[in-house]
Amino acid sequence: MQVAWILSNGGRRHLTSFTAICLLGVSGGLCELIANLMTVGLRTVERWIYNSFNLHSWGNENDGSGYRVLELIHLMTNGMTIWVDALEWMCMFFIMVILFFMIRYEVNYNNSAFGTKFAGLGLAIGFLGLFEFIAELLRLRAFRVFAEVSLAISIINTWILLPIWLVVLGKQLSIVKTSFVDWTTMDQNDEHAGLQLVPEVDH
């Protein structure tokens, strides 16, 4: 959101892109929060069932059918959050794509401090997020195969590329924010000076 705010010159340009990034960021964050709360709650209930009930023998049969039922419950609870997790990656894809085009525009016309390499890395993260979204959905067709694909993409994206992107962003953002404050102050001073220079017309 801070990057979008700076690139939009404090909401004066690219207002649609800035608004879209804010909405997608808030939506993705809320989805992550809801998914985590649901997962913690469901895991707590599963552990309670495991510790409180005799799952090995139901009735007169010692076939462990209770464990099978618990396993089915576990799979169903995972399925409840699969769409939420998939939506998070879709939000990430759109955010990175919008940021890419905003940075490219600023680089071409206003010499933005955010370089094209930074924008390209974000675009790669976004497309990997799109592939993660597709893999999450295709797990309904072939669970084991696409679960491994989804895990591989998630490791590359969240353990390697995204931390690098955040480190680079952290180094550049402080510099850009300082420059942005200076630009805003100069613009305000120029506008104030321009108003003072307008001659008064005596009617």
N, C-alpha and C. Protein backbone atom coordinates (compact mmCIF):
# COMPACT_ATOMS: atom_id res chain seq x y z
N MET A 1 0.83 -1.20 0.00
CA MET A 1 0.00 0.00 0.00
C MET A 1 0.87 1.26 0.00
N GLN A 2 1.98 1.21 0.77
CA GLN A 2 2.88 2.37 0.78
C GLN A 2 3.51 2.60 -0.59
N VAL A 3 3.91 1.52 -1.25
CA VAL A 3 4.48 1.65 -2.59
C VAL A 3 3.44 2.25 -3.54
N ALA A 4 2.21 1.76 -3.48
CA ALA A 4 1.17 2.28 -4.36
C ALA A 4 0.86 3.74 -4.04
N TRP A 5 0.91 4.10 -2.75
CA TRP A 5 0.66 5.48 -2.35
C TRP A 5 1.72 6.42 -2.92
N ILE A 6 2.97 5.97 -2.86
CA ILE A 6 4.06 6.80 -3.39
C ILE A 6 3.98 6.89 -4.91
N LEU A 7 3.75 5.74 -5.57
CA LEU A 7 3.69 5.74 -7.03
C LEU A 7 2.51 6.55 -7.56
N SER A 8 1.45 6.63 -6.75
CA SER A 8 0.29 7.43 -7.17
C SER A 8 0.41 8.89 -6.76
N ASN A 9 1.60 9.26 -6.24
CA ASN A 9 1.86 10.65 -5.82
C ASN A 9 0.83 11.10 -4.79
N GLY A 10 0.67 10.24 -3.79
CA GLY A 10 -0.26 10.58 -2.71
C GLY A 10 -1.72 10.52 -3.13
N GLY A 11 -2.04 9.63 -4.07
CA GLY A 11 -3.42 9.49 -4.53
C GLY A 11 -3.83 10.47 -5.60
N ARG A 12 -2.85 11.20 -6.18
CA ARG A 12 -3.17 12.19 -7.21
C ARG A 12 -3.17 11.59 -8.61
N ARG A 13 -2.44 10.46 -8.78
CA ARG A 13 -2.39 9.78 -10.08
C ARG A 13 -2.67 8.30 -9.86
N HIS A 14 -3.02 7.62 -10.95
CA HIS A 14 -3.27 6.17 -10.90
C HIS A 14 -4.21 5.83 -9.74
N LEU A 15 -5.25 6.60 -9.58
CA LEU A 15 -6.14 6.41 -8.44
C LEU A 15 -6.82 5.04 -8.49
N THR A 16 -7.17 4.59 -9.69
CA THR A 16 -7.82 3.28 -9.82
C THR A 16 -6.87 2.16 -9.39
N SER A 17 -5.63 2.23 -9.84
CA SER A 17 -4.64 1.21 -9.47
C SER A 17 -4.38 1.22 -7.97
N PHE A 18 -4.25 2.43 -7.40
CA PHE A 18 -4.00 2.54 -5.96
C PHE A 18 -5.17 1.94 -5.17
N THR A 19 -6.39 2.26 -5.57
CA THR A 19 -7.57 1.73 -4.87
C THR A 19 -7.65 0.21 -4.99
N ALA A 20 -7.35 -0.29 -6.19
CA ALA A 20 -7.39 -1.75 -6.40
C ALA A 20 -6.37 -2.46 -5.52
N ILE A 21 -5.15 -1.92 -5.43
CA ILE A 21 -4.12 -2.54 -4.60
C ILE A 21 -4.54 -2.53 -3.13
N CYS A 22 -5.11 -1.43 -2.67
CA CYS A 22 -5.56 -1.35 -1.27
C CYS A 22 -6.65 -2.39 -1.00
N LEU A 23 -7.63 -2.49 -1.89
CA LEU A 23 -8.71 -3.45 -1.69
C LEU A 23 -8.20 -4.89 -1.73
N LEU A 24 -7.30 -5.18 -2.68
CA LEU A 24 -6.76 -6.53 -2.78
C LEU A 24 -5.89 -6.86 -1.57
N GLY A 25 -5.11 -5.88 -1.09
CA GLY A 25 -4.28 -6.12 0.07
C GLY A 25 -5.10 -6.40 1.32
N VAL A 26 -6.13 -5.60 1.54
CA VAL A 26 -7.00 -5.81 2.70
C VAL A 26 -7.74 -7.14 2.57
N SER A 27 -8.24 -7.46 1.37
CA SER A 27 -8.96 -8.71 1.16
C SER A 27 -8.06 -9.91 1.40
N GLY A 28 -6.83 -9.86 0.84
CA GLY A 28 -5.90 -10.97 1.04
C GLY A 28 -5.52 -11.14 2.50
N GLY A 29 -5.30 -10.02 3.21
CA GLY A 29 -4.96 -10.10 4.62
C GLY A 29 -6.09 -10.68 5.46
N LEU A 30 -7.33 -10.25 5.17
CA LEU A 30 -8.48 -10.79 5.91
C LEU A 30 -8.67 -12.27 5.61
N CYS A 31 -8.46 -12.66 4.34
CA CYS A 31 -8.57 -14.09 3.99
C CYS A 31 -7.54 -14.92 4.74
N GLU A 32 -6.31 -14.40 4.83
CA GLU A 32 -5.26 -15.11 5.56
C GLU A 32 -5.63 -15.25 7.04
N LEU A 33 -6.14 -14.17 7.63
CA LEU A 33 -6.54 -14.20 9.03
C LEU A 33 -7.66 -15.21 9.26
N ILE A 34 -8.68 -15.16 8.41
CA ILE A 34 -9.82 -16.06 8.56
C ILE A 34 -9.38 -17.51 8.38
N ALA A 35 -8.54 -17.77 7.37
CA ALA A 35 -8.08 -19.13 7.12
C ALA A 35 -7.27 -19.66 8.31
N ASN A 36 -6.41 -18.83 8.88
CA ASN A 36 -5.61 -19.26 10.02
C ASN A 36 -6.48 -19.53 11.24
N LEU A 37 -7.45 -18.65 11.50
CA LEU A 37 -8.34 -18.86 12.64
C LEU A 37 -9.16 -20.13 12.46
N MET A 38 -9.65 -20.37 11.25
CA MET A 38 -10.40 -21.60 10.99
C MET A 38 -9.52 -22.82 11.17
N THR A 39 -8.29 -22.76 10.68
CA THR A 39 -7.39 -23.90 10.79
C THR A 39 -7.07 -24.21 12.26
N VAL A 40 -6.77 -23.16 13.04
CA VAL A 40 -6.48 -23.38 14.46
C VAL A 40 -7.68 -23.97 15.18
N GLY A 41 -8.87 -23.44 14.90
CA GLY A 41 -10.07 -23.96 15.54
C GLY A 41 -10.35 -25.41 15.17
N LEU A 42 -10.21 -25.73 13.90
CA LEU A 42 -10.48 -27.10 13.46
C LEU A 42 -9.45 -28.09 14.02
N ARG A 43 -8.18 -27.67 14.05
CA ARG A 43 -7.15 -28.55 14.61
C ARG A 43 -7.38 -28.78 16.10
N THR A 44 -7.84 -27.74 16.80
CA THR A 44 -8.14 -27.89 18.23
C THR A 44 -9.26 -28.89 18.46
N VAL A 45 -10.30 -28.82 17.64
CA VAL A 45 -11.42 -29.76 17.77
C VAL A 45 -10.96 -31.18 17.44
N GLU A 46 -10.14 -31.33 16.40
CA GLU A 46 -9.65 -32.66 16.04
C GLU A 46 -8.84 -33.27 17.19
N ARG A 47 -7.99 -32.46 17.81
CA ARG A 47 -7.18 -32.96 18.93
C ARG A 47 -8.09 -33.33 20.11
N TRP A 48 -9.12 -32.53 20.33
CA TRP A 48 -10.06 -32.84 21.42
C TRP A 48 -10.79 -34.17 21.15
N ILE A 49 -11.21 -34.38 19.91
CA ILE A 49 -11.87 -35.63 19.56
C ILE A 49 -10.92 -36.81 19.76
N TYR A 50 -9.67 -36.63 19.35
CA TYR A 50 -8.68 -37.71 19.45
C TYR A 50 -8.41 -38.08 20.90
N ASN A 51 -8.38 -37.10 21.80
CA ASN A 51 -8.06 -37.36 23.20
C ASN A 51 -9.27 -37.72 24.04
N SER A 52 -10.48 -37.43 23.57
CA SER A 52 -11.67 -37.59 24.41
C SER A 52 -12.52 -38.80 24.05
N PHE A 53 -12.32 -39.38 22.87
CA PHE A 53 -13.18 -40.47 22.43
C PHE A 53 -12.32 -41.71 22.13
N ASN A 54 -12.96 -42.85 22.27
CA ASN A 54 -12.32 -44.11 21.93
C ASN A 54 -12.50 -44.36 20.43
N LEU A 55 -11.48 -44.06 19.68
CA LEU A 55 -11.58 -44.18 18.23
C LEU A 55 -11.18 -45.57 17.73
N HIS A 56 -10.57 -46.36 18.60
CA HIS A 56 -10.10 -47.68 18.15
C HIS A 56 -11.23 -48.69 18.04
N SER A 57 -12.14 -48.68 18.99
CA SER A 57 -13.22 -49.67 18.98
C SER A 57 -14.55 -48.97 19.18
N TRP A 58 -15.43 -49.13 18.20
CA TRP A 58 -16.78 -48.62 18.29
C TRP A 58 -17.72 -49.82 18.32
N GLY A 59 -18.50 -49.91 19.37
CA GLY A 59 -19.38 -51.07 19.50
C GLY A 59 -18.58 -52.31 19.88
N ASN A 60 -18.79 -53.37 19.15
CA ASN A 60 -18.11 -54.64 19.41
C ASN A 60 -16.95 -54.91 18.47
N GLU A 61 -16.61 -53.95 17.61
CA GLU A 61 -15.56 -54.16 16.61
C GLU A 61 -14.36 -53.28 16.93
N ASN A 62 -13.18 -53.89 16.91
CA ASN A 62 -11.93 -53.17 17.13
C ASN A 62 -11.21 -52.96 15.80
N ASP A 63 -11.88 -52.28 14.90
CA ASP A 63 -11.33 -52.07 13.56
C ASP A 63 -10.74 -50.68 13.36
N GLY A 64 -10.73 -49.85 14.39
CA GLY A 64 -10.18 -48.51 14.25
C GLY A 64 -10.97 -47.61 13.34
N SER A 65 -12.27 -47.85 13.24
CA SER A 65 -13.09 -47.03 12.33
C SER A 65 -13.15 -45.58 12.79
N GLY A 66 -13.00 -45.32 14.09
CA GLY A 66 -13.01 -43.95 14.57
C GLY A 66 -11.86 -43.13 13.99
N TYR A 67 -10.69 -43.76 13.85
CA TYR A 67 -9.54 -43.07 13.24
C TYR A 67 -9.81 -42.75 11.78
N ARG A 68 -10.52 -43.63 11.10
CA ARG A 68 -10.85 -43.38 9.69
C ARG A 68 -11.80 -42.19 9.58
N VAL A 69 -12.77 -42.14 10.49
CA VAL A 69 -13.69 -41.00 10.47
C VAL A 69 -12.95 -39.71 10.77
N LEU A 70 -12.02 -39.76 11.74
CA LEU A 70 -11.25 -38.56 12.06
C LEU A 70 -10.40 -38.12 10.87
N GLU A 71 -9.86 -39.08 10.14
CA GLU A 71 -9.08 -38.74 8.95
C GLU A 71 -9.95 -38.07 7.89
N LEU A 72 -11.17 -38.57 7.73
CA LEU A 72 -12.09 -37.93 6.78
C LEU A 72 -12.44 -36.51 7.23
N ILE A 73 -12.64 -36.33 8.53
CA ILE A 73 -12.91 -34.98 9.05
C ILE A 73 -11.73 -34.07 8.77
N HIS A 74 -10.51 -34.59 8.95
CA HIS A 74 -9.31 -33.81 8.68
C HIS A 74 -9.25 -33.36 7.22
N LEU A 75 -9.56 -34.27 6.30
CA LEU A 75 -9.56 -33.92 4.88
C LEU A 75 -10.64 -32.89 4.56
N MET A 76 -11.79 -33.02 5.19
CA MET A 76 -12.87 -32.07 4.93
C MET A 76 -12.53 -30.68 5.46
N THR A 77 -11.89 -30.63 6.62
CA THR A 77 -11.50 -29.32 7.16
C THR A 77 -10.44 -28.65 6.29
N ASN A 78 -9.53 -29.46 5.72
CA ASN A 78 -8.56 -28.89 4.78
C ASN A 78 -9.26 -28.34 3.55
N GLY A 79 -10.30 -29.04 3.10
CA GLY A 79 -11.06 -28.57 1.95
C GLY A 79 -11.81 -27.28 2.21
N MET A 80 -12.13 -27.00 3.47
CA MET A 80 -12.85 -25.77 3.80
C MET A 80 -11.98 -24.54 3.60
N THR A 81 -10.67 -24.71 3.74
CA THR A 81 -9.77 -23.56 3.61
C THR A 81 -9.05 -23.50 2.27
N ILE A 82 -9.27 -24.48 1.40
CA ILE A 82 -8.53 -24.52 0.14
C ILE A 82 -8.89 -23.34 -0.75
N TRP A 83 -10.17 -22.95 -0.76
CA TRP A 83 -10.59 -21.83 -1.60
C TRP A 83 -10.08 -20.51 -1.04
N VAL A 84 -10.04 -20.42 0.30
CA VAL A 84 -9.52 -19.20 0.91
C VAL A 84 -8.04 -19.03 0.60
N ASP A 85 -7.27 -20.11 0.72
CA ASP A 85 -5.84 -20.05 0.40
C ASP A 85 -5.62 -19.72 -1.07
N ALA A 86 -6.45 -20.30 -1.94
CA ALA A 86 -6.33 -20.02 -3.37
C ALA A 86 -6.61 -18.55 -3.67
N LEU A 87 -7.59 -17.96 -2.98
CA LEU A 87 -7.92 -16.55 -3.21
C LEU A 87 -6.78 -15.64 -2.80
N GLU A 88 -6.03 -16.01 -1.76
CA GLU A 88 -4.90 -15.20 -1.33
C GLU A 88 -3.87 -15.07 -2.45
N TRP A 89 -3.58 -16.18 -3.13
CA TRP A 89 -2.59 -16.14 -4.21
C TRP A 89 -3.11 -15.34 -5.40
N MET A 90 -4.41 -15.39 -5.64
CA MET A 90 -4.97 -14.59 -6.72
C MET A 90 -4.85 -13.10 -6.41
N CYS A 91 -5.07 -12.73 -5.16
CA CYS A 91 -4.88 -11.33 -4.76
C CYS A 91 -3.43 -10.92 -4.94
N MET A 92 -2.50 -11.80 -4.57
CA MET A 92 -1.08 -11.52 -4.75
C MET A 92 -0.74 -11.31 -6.22
N PHE A 93 -1.32 -12.11 -7.09
CA PHE A 93 -1.06 -11.99 -8.53
C PHE A 93 -1.49 -10.62 -9.04
N PHE A 94 -2.69 -10.19 -8.73
CA PHE A 94 -3.19 -8.92 -9.22
C PHE A 94 -2.40 -7.74 -8.63
N ILE A 95 -2.02 -7.83 -7.36
CA ILE A 95 -1.25 -6.75 -6.74
C ILE A 95 0.08 -6.59 -7.45
N MET A 96 0.78 -7.70 -7.68
CA MET A 96 2.10 -7.62 -8.31
C MET A 96 2.02 -7.15 -9.76
N VAL A 97 0.99 -7.56 -10.47
CA VAL A 97 0.83 -7.13 -11.87
C VAL A 97 0.56 -5.62 -11.93
N ILE A 98 -0.32 -5.13 -11.06
CA ILE A 98 -0.62 -3.70 -11.05
C ILE A 98 0.62 -2.89 -10.66
N LEU A 99 1.36 -3.36 -9.65
CA LEU A 99 2.58 -2.67 -9.25
C LEU A 99 3.62 -2.66 -10.37
N PHE A 100 3.69 -3.75 -11.12
CA PHE A 100 4.64 -3.83 -12.22
C PHE A 100 4.38 -2.73 -13.24
N PHE A 101 3.14 -2.57 -13.65
CA PHE A 101 2.82 -1.56 -14.66
C PHE A 101 2.95 -0.15 -14.09
N MET A 102 2.64 0.04 -12.81
CA MET A 102 2.82 1.36 -12.22
C MET A 102 4.30 1.74 -12.16
N ILE A 103 5.15 0.78 -11.77
CA ILE A 103 6.58 1.06 -11.70
C ILE A 103 7.16 1.28 -13.10
N ARG A 104 6.73 0.48 -14.07
CA ARG A 104 7.21 0.67 -15.44
C ARG A 104 6.83 2.05 -15.96
N TYR A 105 5.63 2.50 -15.66
CA TYR A 105 5.21 3.84 -16.09
C TYR A 105 6.08 4.91 -15.44
N GLU A 106 6.33 4.77 -14.14
CA GLU A 106 7.13 5.77 -13.45
C GLU A 106 8.58 5.77 -13.93
N VAL A 107 9.12 4.58 -14.23
CA VAL A 107 10.49 4.50 -14.73
C VAL A 107 10.61 5.17 -16.08
N ASN A 108 9.62 4.96 -16.94
CA ASN A 108 9.68 5.52 -18.30
C ASN A 108 9.47 7.04 -18.33
N TYR A 109 8.66 7.57 -17.39
CA TYR A 109 8.27 8.97 -17.50
C TYR A 109 8.79 9.84 -16.35
N ASN A 110 9.01 9.24 -15.18
CA ASN A 110 9.37 10.06 -14.02
C ASN A 110 10.62 9.59 -13.29
N ASN A 111 11.34 8.62 -13.87
CA ASN A 111 12.57 8.12 -13.24
C ASN A 111 12.34 7.66 -11.81
N SER A 112 11.47 6.67 -11.64
CA SER A 112 11.12 6.16 -10.32
C SER A 112 12.31 5.47 -9.67
N ALA A 113 12.39 5.56 -8.33
CA ALA A 113 13.46 4.91 -7.61
C ALA A 113 13.29 3.39 -7.60
N PHE A 114 12.07 2.92 -7.79
CA PHE A 114 11.83 1.49 -7.90
C PHE A 114 12.19 1.06 -9.31
N GLY A 115 13.22 0.21 -9.43
CA GLY A 115 13.73 -0.15 -10.74
C GLY A 115 12.93 -1.24 -11.42
N THR A 116 13.28 -1.50 -12.68
CA THR A 116 12.59 -2.53 -13.45
C THR A 116 12.90 -3.93 -12.93
N LYS A 117 14.10 -4.13 -12.36
CA LYS A 117 14.42 -5.45 -11.80
C LYS A 117 13.51 -5.76 -10.61
N PHE A 118 13.30 -4.76 -9.80
CA PHE A 118 12.39 -4.92 -8.66
C PHE A 118 10.97 -5.23 -9.15
N ALA A 119 10.54 -4.52 -10.17
CA ALA A 119 9.21 -4.76 -10.73
C ALA A 119 9.12 -6.14 -11.36
N GLY A 120 10.20 -6.57 -12.06
CA GLY A 120 10.20 -7.89 -12.68
C GLY A 120 10.16 -9.01 -11.65
N LEU A 121 10.87 -8.82 -10.54
CA LEU A 121 10.83 -9.82 -9.46
C LEU A 121 9.43 -9.93 -8.89
N GLY A 122 8.78 -8.79 -8.70
CA GLY A 122 7.40 -8.82 -8.22
C GLY A 122 6.47 -9.49 -9.20
N LEU A 123 6.69 -9.26 -10.49
CA LEU A 123 5.85 -9.91 -11.51
C LEU A 123 6.04 -11.42 -11.49
N ALA A 124 7.29 -11.88 -11.31
CA ALA A 124 7.55 -13.32 -11.21
C ALA A 124 6.84 -13.91 -10.00
N ILE A 125 6.86 -13.20 -8.87
CA ILE A 125 6.15 -13.67 -7.69
C ILE A 125 4.65 -13.74 -7.96
N GLY A 126 4.14 -12.75 -8.68
CA GLY A 126 2.72 -12.74 -9.00
C GLY A 126 2.30 -13.91 -9.87
N PHE A 127 3.11 -14.22 -10.89
CA PHE A 127 2.74 -15.34 -11.77
C PHE A 127 2.90 -16.68 -11.05
N LEU A 128 3.89 -16.80 -10.18
CA LEU A 128 3.98 -18.01 -9.38
C LEU A 128 2.77 -18.14 -8.45
N GLY A 129 2.28 -16.99 -7.96
CA GLY A 129 1.05 -17.02 -7.18
C GLY A 129 -0.14 -17.49 -8.01
N LEU A 130 -0.18 -17.07 -9.29
CA LEU A 130 -1.25 -17.54 -10.18
C LEU A 130 -1.16 -19.05 -10.39
N PHE A 131 0.06 -19.56 -10.61
CA PHE A 131 0.24 -21.00 -10.76
C PHE A 131 -0.12 -21.74 -9.47
N GLU A 132 0.18 -21.12 -8.34
CA GLU A 132 -0.22 -21.71 -7.05
C GLU A 132 -1.74 -21.79 -6.95
N PHE A 133 -2.42 -20.74 -7.39
CA PHE A 133 -3.88 -20.73 -7.39
C PHE A 133 -4.43 -21.86 -8.25
N ILE A 134 -3.86 -22.02 -9.45
CA ILE A 134 -4.32 -23.08 -10.35
C ILE A 134 -4.04 -24.46 -9.75
N ALA A 135 -2.86 -24.62 -9.14
CA ALA A 135 -2.51 -25.91 -8.53
C ALA A 135 -3.43 -26.24 -7.36
N GLU A 136 -3.80 -25.21 -6.60
CA GLU A 136 -4.72 -25.45 -5.48
C GLU A 136 -6.06 -25.97 -5.98
N LEU A 137 -6.53 -25.41 -7.10
CA LEU A 137 -7.82 -25.86 -7.64
C LEU A 137 -7.72 -27.25 -8.25
N LEU A 138 -6.60 -27.53 -8.92
CA LEU A 138 -6.44 -28.82 -9.56
C LEU A 138 -6.21 -29.96 -8.57
N ARG A 139 -5.98 -29.63 -7.32
CA ARG A 139 -5.87 -30.68 -6.31
C ARG A 139 -7.16 -31.47 -6.17
N LEU A 140 -8.28 -30.86 -6.58
CA LEU A 140 -9.55 -31.58 -6.56
C LEU A 140 -9.59 -32.68 -7.60
N ARG A 141 -8.75 -32.58 -8.64
CA ARG A 141 -8.69 -33.60 -9.69
C ARG A 141 -7.66 -34.69 -9.37
N ALA A 142 -6.47 -34.26 -9.03
CA ALA A 142 -5.40 -35.20 -8.68
C ALA A 142 -4.70 -34.63 -7.45
N PHE A 143 -5.15 -35.05 -6.28
CA PHE A 143 -4.72 -34.40 -5.05
C PHE A 143 -3.23 -34.54 -4.83
N ARG A 144 -2.70 -35.74 -4.92
CA ARG A 144 -1.30 -35.97 -4.57
C ARG A 144 -0.35 -35.24 -5.52
N VAL A 145 -0.63 -35.31 -6.82
CA VAL A 145 0.26 -34.70 -7.81
C VAL A 145 0.31 -33.19 -7.63
N PHE A 146 -0.87 -32.56 -7.60
CA PHE A 146 -0.90 -31.10 -7.54
C PHE A 146 -0.62 -30.57 -6.14
N ALA A 147 -0.76 -31.42 -5.12
CA ALA A 147 -0.32 -31.01 -3.79
C ALA A 147 1.20 -30.84 -3.77
N GLU A 148 1.91 -31.74 -4.45
CA GLU A 148 3.37 -31.61 -4.54
C GLU A 148 3.77 -30.39 -5.37
N VAL A 149 3.04 -30.15 -6.47
CA VAL A 149 3.32 -28.97 -7.29
C VAL A 149 3.07 -27.70 -6.49
N SER A 150 1.95 -27.67 -5.78
CA SER A 150 1.62 -26.51 -4.96
C SER A 150 2.66 -26.27 -3.88
N LEU A 151 3.13 -27.34 -3.26
CA LEU A 151 4.15 -27.21 -2.21
C LEU A 151 5.46 -26.67 -2.79
N ALA A 152 5.86 -27.15 -3.96
CA ALA A 152 7.10 -26.68 -4.59
C ALA A 152 7.01 -25.20 -4.92
N ILE A 153 5.89 -24.78 -5.51
CA ILE A 153 5.72 -23.37 -5.85
C ILE A 153 5.70 -22.51 -4.59
N SER A 154 5.03 -23.00 -3.56
CA SER A 154 4.94 -22.25 -2.31
C SER A 154 6.32 -22.07 -1.67
N ILE A 155 7.16 -23.10 -1.73
CA ILE A 155 8.52 -22.99 -1.16
C ILE A 155 9.33 -21.96 -1.93
N ILE A 156 9.28 -22.02 -3.26
CA ILE A 156 10.04 -21.07 -4.07
C ILE A 156 9.56 -19.64 -3.84
N ASN A 157 8.24 -19.48 -3.75
CA ASN A 157 7.67 -18.14 -3.65
C ASN A 157 7.83 -17.55 -2.25
N THR A 158 7.45 -18.30 -1.23
CA THR A 158 7.39 -17.73 0.12
C THR A 158 8.70 -17.86 0.88
N TRP A 159 9.57 -18.76 0.48
CA TRP A 159 10.83 -18.93 1.21
C TRP A 159 12.01 -18.26 0.51
N ILE A 160 11.90 -18.01 -0.79
CA ILE A 160 13.04 -17.47 -1.53
C ILE A 160 12.71 -16.11 -2.14
N LEU A 161 11.77 -16.09 -3.10
CA LEU A 161 11.54 -14.87 -3.88
C LEU A 161 10.88 -13.76 -3.06
N LEU A 162 9.84 -14.10 -2.34
CA LEU A 162 9.12 -13.06 -1.58
C LEU A 162 9.99 -12.44 -0.49
N PRO A 163 10.78 -13.20 0.28
CA PRO A 163 11.69 -12.55 1.24
C PRO A 163 12.70 -11.62 0.56
N ILE A 164 13.24 -12.03 -0.60
CA ILE A 164 14.16 -11.15 -1.33
C ILE A 164 13.45 -9.87 -1.74
N TRP A 165 12.24 -9.99 -2.24
CA TRP A 165 11.46 -8.82 -2.66
C TRP A 165 11.21 -7.88 -1.49
N LEU A 166 10.90 -8.45 -0.32
CA LEU A 166 10.63 -7.63 0.85
C LEU A 166 11.89 -6.94 1.37
N VAL A 167 13.04 -7.63 1.31
CA VAL A 167 14.29 -7.01 1.74
C VAL A 167 14.65 -5.84 0.83
N VAL A 168 14.54 -6.05 -0.48
CA VAL A 168 14.82 -4.96 -1.43
C VAL A 168 13.84 -3.81 -1.22
N LEU A 169 12.58 -4.14 -1.01
CA LEU A 169 11.57 -3.10 -0.76
C LEU A 169 11.90 -2.32 0.50
N GLY A 170 12.31 -3.03 1.56
CA GLY A 170 12.64 -2.35 2.80
C GLY A 170 13.79 -1.38 2.65
N LYS A 171 14.79 -1.74 1.82
CA LYS A 171 15.92 -0.84 1.61
C LYS A 171 15.54 0.38 0.78
N GLN A 172 14.70 0.17 -0.22
CA GLN A 172 14.34 1.27 -1.11
C GLN A 172 13.24 2.16 -0.54
N LEU A 173 12.36 1.56 0.27
CA LEU A 173 11.17 2.30 0.69
C LEU A 173 11.52 3.48 1.58
N SER A 174 12.48 3.29 2.49
CA SER A 174 12.84 4.40 3.38
C SER A 174 13.41 5.58 2.58
N ILE A 175 14.22 5.27 1.57
CA ILE A 175 14.78 6.35 0.74
C ILE A 175 13.69 7.04 -0.07
N VAL A 176 12.82 6.23 -0.66
CA VAL A 176 11.77 6.79 -1.50
C VAL A 176 10.77 7.59 -0.67
N LYS A 177 10.47 7.13 0.53
CA LYS A 177 9.53 7.86 1.39
C LYS A 177 10.09 9.22 1.76
N THR A 178 11.39 9.29 2.06
CA THR A 178 12.02 10.58 2.36
C THR A 178 11.94 11.52 1.17
N SER A 179 12.25 10.99 -0.01
CA SER A 179 12.17 11.81 -1.22
C SER A 179 10.73 12.23 -1.50
N PHE A 180 9.79 11.33 -1.23
CA PHE A 180 8.38 11.64 -1.47
C PHE A 180 7.91 12.78 -0.56
N VAL A 181 8.35 12.76 0.69
CA VAL A 181 7.99 13.84 1.61
C VAL A 181 8.57 15.17 1.12
N ASP A 182 9.82 15.12 0.64
CA ASP A 182 10.44 16.34 0.11
C ASP A 182 9.69 16.85 -1.12
N TRP A 183 9.32 15.91 -2.02
CA TRP A 183 8.58 16.32 -3.23
C TRP A 183 7.25 16.95 -2.85
N THR A 184 6.55 16.32 -1.91
CA THR A 184 5.24 16.83 -1.51
C THR A 184 5.36 18.21 -0.90
N THR A 185 6.39 18.40 -0.06
CA THR A 185 6.60 19.71 0.58
C THR A 185 6.91 20.77 -0.47
N MET A 186 7.76 20.42 -1.45
CA MET A 186 8.09 21.38 -2.51
C MET A 186 6.87 21.73 -3.34
N ASP A 187 6.04 20.70 -3.66
CA ASP A 187 4.83 20.97 -4.45
C ASP A 187 3.89 21.90 -3.69
N GLN A 188 3.75 21.65 -2.39
CA GLN A 188 2.86 22.50 -1.61
C GLN A 188 3.39 23.93 -1.52
N ASN A 189 4.71 24.05 -1.37
CA ASN A 189 5.30 25.40 -1.32
C ASN A 189 5.14 26.12 -2.65
N ASP A 190 5.32 25.34 -3.76
CA ASP A 190 5.15 25.96 -5.08
C ASP A 190 3.72 26.42 -5.30
N GLU A 191 2.76 25.59 -4.88
CA GLU A 191 1.37 25.97 -5.05
C GLU A 191 1.04 27.20 -4.20
N HIS A 192 1.59 27.21 -2.97
CA HIS A 192 1.33 28.36 -2.10
C HIS A 192 1.95 29.63 -2.67
N ALA A 193 3.18 29.48 -3.19
CA ALA A 193 3.84 30.64 -3.79
C ALA A 193 3.10 31.11 -5.03
N GLY A 194 2.59 30.16 -5.81
CA GLY A 194 1.85 30.53 -7.01
C GLY A 194 0.58 31.29 -6.69
N LEU A 195 -0.09 30.91 -5.58
CA LEU A 195 -1.29 31.63 -5.18
C LEU A 195 -0.95 33.05 -4.74
N GLN A 196 0.22 33.21 -4.09
CA GLN A 196 0.60 34.54 -3.64
C GLN A 196 0.99 35.45 -4.80
N LEU A 197 1.49 34.83 -5.90
CA LEU A 197 1.94 35.63 -7.03
C LEU A 197 0.80 36.08 -7.94
N VAL A 198 -0.40 35.53 -7.74
CA VAL A 198 -1.52 35.94 -8.59
C VAL A 198 -1.95 37.35 -8.22
N PRO A 199 -1.91 38.28 -9.14
CA PRO A 199 -2.26 39.67 -8.79
C PRO A 199 -3.75 39.81 -8.53
N GLU A 200 -4.03 40.71 -7.64
CA GLU A 200 -5.43 40.99 -7.33
C GLU A 200 -5.99 41.96 -8.37
N VAL A 201 -7.19 41.70 -8.80
CA VAL A 201 -7.84 42.54 -9.81
C VAL A 201 -8.84 43.45 -9.11
N ASP A 202 -8.66 44.74 -9.31
CA ASP A 202 -9.52 45.72 -8.68
C ASP A 202 -10.71 46.00 -9.60
N HIS A 203 -11.91 45.60 -9.17
CA HIS A 203 -13.08 45.83 -9.99
C HIS A 203 -13.63 47.21 -9.65
